[in-house]
Amino acid sequence: MGQSLVKNYVHIVFSTKHRQELIHPPVEEELHAYLGGICKKLECHPIKVGGYTDHIHILCMLSKKTALMKLVEEIKSHSSKWIKTKGKGYADFYWQDGYGAFSVNPAEIEVVVRYIENQKEHHSRKKFQDEYRALLKKYEVAYDERYVWS
């Protein structure tokens, strides 16, 4: 086969360090756009970027040229530096060390888009830790509770 044909949809989730509630308007929308821009620069087409005050969700198509680990590293490092330029309240802004990444069936893309769009409503009833545990369970990811929140 001469061509490399790839279509990998990935749902990436990570939180602020210690789940600090630091993501608020007007920086929130700018941050989401900035994260999408990093994805585009790495040829990882962003489909939906959203989240809540203490975490981010990114649904994108992973480029055949970019390793997932590199994508997340670039997203976190560049956005952390960028948000620090948005005021003194962000001087100590950091992302958690880890992340979750889950493959998404192309038939489920719209379900994940709506899920990301409804984060504010969703988190009026459920904390991030509970949401994240539910994702890990859904995707059958084994984890150690002692290390998942660093």
Protein backbone atom coordinates (compact mmCIF):
# COMPACT_ATOMS: atom_id res chain seq x y z
CA MET A 1 0.00 0.00 0.00
CA GLY A 2 1.55 3.29 -1.12
CA GLN A 3 -0.51 5.76 0.91
CA SER A 4 -0.76 6.25 4.65
CA LEU A 5 -4.46 6.76 5.32
CA VAL A 6 -5.43 7.69 8.87
CA LYS A 7 -8.56 8.99 10.55
CA ASN A 8 -8.22 8.96 14.34
CA TYR A 9 -10.66 11.00 16.38
CA VAL A 10 -9.47 11.60 19.92
CA HIS A 11 -11.16 13.14 22.97
CA ILE A 12 -8.50 14.69 25.22
CA VAL A 13 -9.26 15.71 28.81
CA PHE A 14 -7.02 17.39 31.38
CA SER A 15 -7.44 19.71 34.33
CA THR A 16 -5.76 22.67 35.90
CA LYS A 17 -3.18 21.85 38.55
CA HIS A 18 -5.02 20.79 41.74
CA ARG A 19 -8.26 21.41 39.81
CA GLN A 20 -8.10 25.13 40.58
CA GLU A 21 -11.11 26.95 39.14
CA LEU A 22 -9.20 29.45 37.01
CA ILE A 23 -10.89 29.27 33.60
CA HIS A 24 -13.54 31.99 33.40
CA PRO A 25 -14.86 34.47 30.82
CA PRO A 26 -13.53 36.38 29.01
CA VAL A 27 -10.31 34.32 28.97
CA GLU A 28 -12.28 31.06 28.66
CA GLU A 29 -13.33 31.59 25.02
CA GLU A 30 -9.90 32.94 24.09
CA LEU A 31 -8.27 29.91 25.69
CA HIS A 32 -10.52 27.49 23.80
CA ALA A 33 -9.68 29.28 20.52
CA TYR A 34 -5.98 29.25 21.39
CA LEU A 35 -6.06 25.51 22.11
CA GLY A 36 -7.81 24.91 18.79
CA GLY A 37 -5.12 26.97 17.07
CA ILE A 38 -2.37 24.81 18.53
CA CYS A 39 -4.19 21.72 17.24
CA LYS A 40 -4.46 23.27 13.75
CA LYS A 41 -0.77 24.21 13.73
CA LEU A 42 0.05 20.54 14.40
CA GLU A 43 -2.40 19.42 11.67
CA CYS A 44 -4.75 17.92 14.27
CA HIS A 45 -8.06 19.33 13.06
CA PRO A 46 -9.99 20.60 16.13
CA ILE A 47 -13.66 19.65 16.06
CA LYS A 48 -14.71 21.02 19.46
CA VAL A 49 -12.83 22.62 22.34
CA GLY A 50 -14.57 23.36 25.62
CA GLY A 51 -14.58 22.58 29.28
CA TYR A 52 -15.35 24.11 32.60
CA THR A 53 -13.60 26.26 35.20
CA ASP A 54 -11.08 23.57 36.13
CA HIS A 55 -10.61 21.42 33.04
CA ILE A 56 -10.52 21.19 29.26
CA HIS A 57 -12.02 18.85 26.67
CA ILE A 58 -10.62 18.74 23.14
CA LEU A 59 -12.12 16.65 20.36
CA CYS A 60 -9.80 16.58 17.36
CA MET A 61 -8.65 14.43 14.51
CA LEU A 62 -5.13 13.28 15.32
CA SER A 63 -2.68 13.93 12.49
CA LYS A 64 -0.78 10.98 11.08
CA LYS A 65 2.34 13.12 11.60
CA THR A 66 1.86 13.94 15.28
CA ALA A 67 2.12 11.61 18.25
CA LEU A 68 -0.62 12.06 20.83
CA MET A 69 1.93 12.68 23.59
CA LYS A 70 3.54 15.46 21.52
CA LEU A 71 0.16 17.08 20.79
CA VAL A 72 -0.77 17.21 24.47
CA GLU A 73 2.70 18.44 25.44
CA GLU A 74 2.48 21.29 22.90
CA ILE A 75 -1.08 22.20 23.90
CA LYS A 76 -0.25 22.36 27.59
CA SER A 77 3.11 24.12 27.40
CA HIS A 78 2.08 26.82 24.92
CA SER A 79 -1.31 27.51 26.49
CA SER A 80 0.16 27.69 29.99
CA LYS A 81 2.65 30.33 28.85
CA TRP A 82 -0.07 32.18 26.91
CA ILE A 83 -2.58 32.34 29.77
CA LYS A 84 0.06 33.78 32.10
CA THR A 85 0.08 36.87 29.83
CA LYS A 86 -3.61 37.46 30.59
CA GLY A 87 -3.15 39.03 33.99
CA LYS A 88 -1.75 38.64 37.48
CA GLY A 89 -4.50 36.18 38.43
CA TYR A 90 -2.89 33.66 36.07
CA ALA A 91 0.71 34.03 37.28
CA ASP A 92 0.56 30.63 39.01
CA PHE A 93 -1.47 28.86 36.31
CA TYR A 94 -0.42 25.29 35.52
CA TRP A 95 -2.02 22.23 33.99
CA GLN A 96 -2.05 18.88 35.79
CA ASP A 97 0.79 16.56 34.83
CA GLY A 98 -1.32 13.86 33.20
CA TYR A 99 -4.21 13.66 30.77
CA GLY A 100 -6.84 11.31 29.45
CA ALA A 101 -7.21 10.54 25.76
CA PHE A 102 -9.97 8.39 24.36
CA SER A 103 -10.56 7.21 20.81
CA VAL A 104 -13.95 8.18 19.42
CA ASN A 105 -15.99 6.20 16.91
CA PRO A 106 -16.77 8.44 13.88
CA ALA A 107 -20.46 7.63 14.39
CA GLU A 108 -20.24 9.15 17.90
CA ILE A 109 -18.61 12.49 16.98
CA GLU A 110 -21.83 14.51 17.40
CA VAL A 111 -22.48 12.87 20.79
CA VAL A 112 -19.05 13.98 22.02
CA VAL A 113 -19.49 17.48 20.53
CA ARG A 114 -22.78 17.90 22.43
CA TYR A 115 -21.15 16.53 25.58
CA ILE A 116 -18.41 19.17 25.35
CA GLU A 117 -20.92 21.92 24.52
CA ASN A 118 -22.95 21.08 27.63
CA GLN A 119 -20.12 21.18 30.17
CA LYS A 120 -21.52 24.07 32.21
CA GLU A 121 -24.88 22.35 32.65
CA HIS A 122 -23.21 18.99 33.23
CA HIS A 123 -21.01 20.37 36.02
CA SER A 124 -23.89 21.94 37.86
CA ARG A 125 -24.56 18.32 38.91
CA LYS A 126 -21.21 16.53 38.73
CA LYS A 127 -17.65 17.34 39.81
CA PHE A 128 -14.74 16.91 37.40
CA GLN A 129 -13.32 13.97 39.35
CA ASP A 130 -16.62 12.07 39.02
CA GLU A 131 -16.85 12.91 35.31
CA TYR A 132 -13.28 11.75 34.72
CA ARG A 133 -13.77 8.50 36.65
CA ALA A 134 -16.88 7.83 34.52
CA LEU A 135 -14.84 8.34 31.32
CA LEU A 136 -12.15 5.99 32.58
CA LYS A 137 -14.79 3.39 33.40
CA LYS A 138 -16.57 3.81 30.05
CA TYR A 139 -13.33 3.26 28.15
CA GLU A 140 -12.19 0.51 30.54
CA VAL A 141 -8.98 2.30 31.51
CA ALA A 142 -7.23 0.86 34.56
CA TYR A 143 -5.90 3.52 36.90
CA ASP A 144 -4.55 4.09 40.38
CA GLU A 145 -6.54 6.76 42.24
CA ARG A 146 -3.39 7.87 44.08
CA TYR A 147 -1.75 9.09 40.88
CA VAL A 148 -4.57 10.17 38.60
CA TRP A 149 -5.01 13.67 40.09
CA SER A 150 -1.45 15.03 40.09
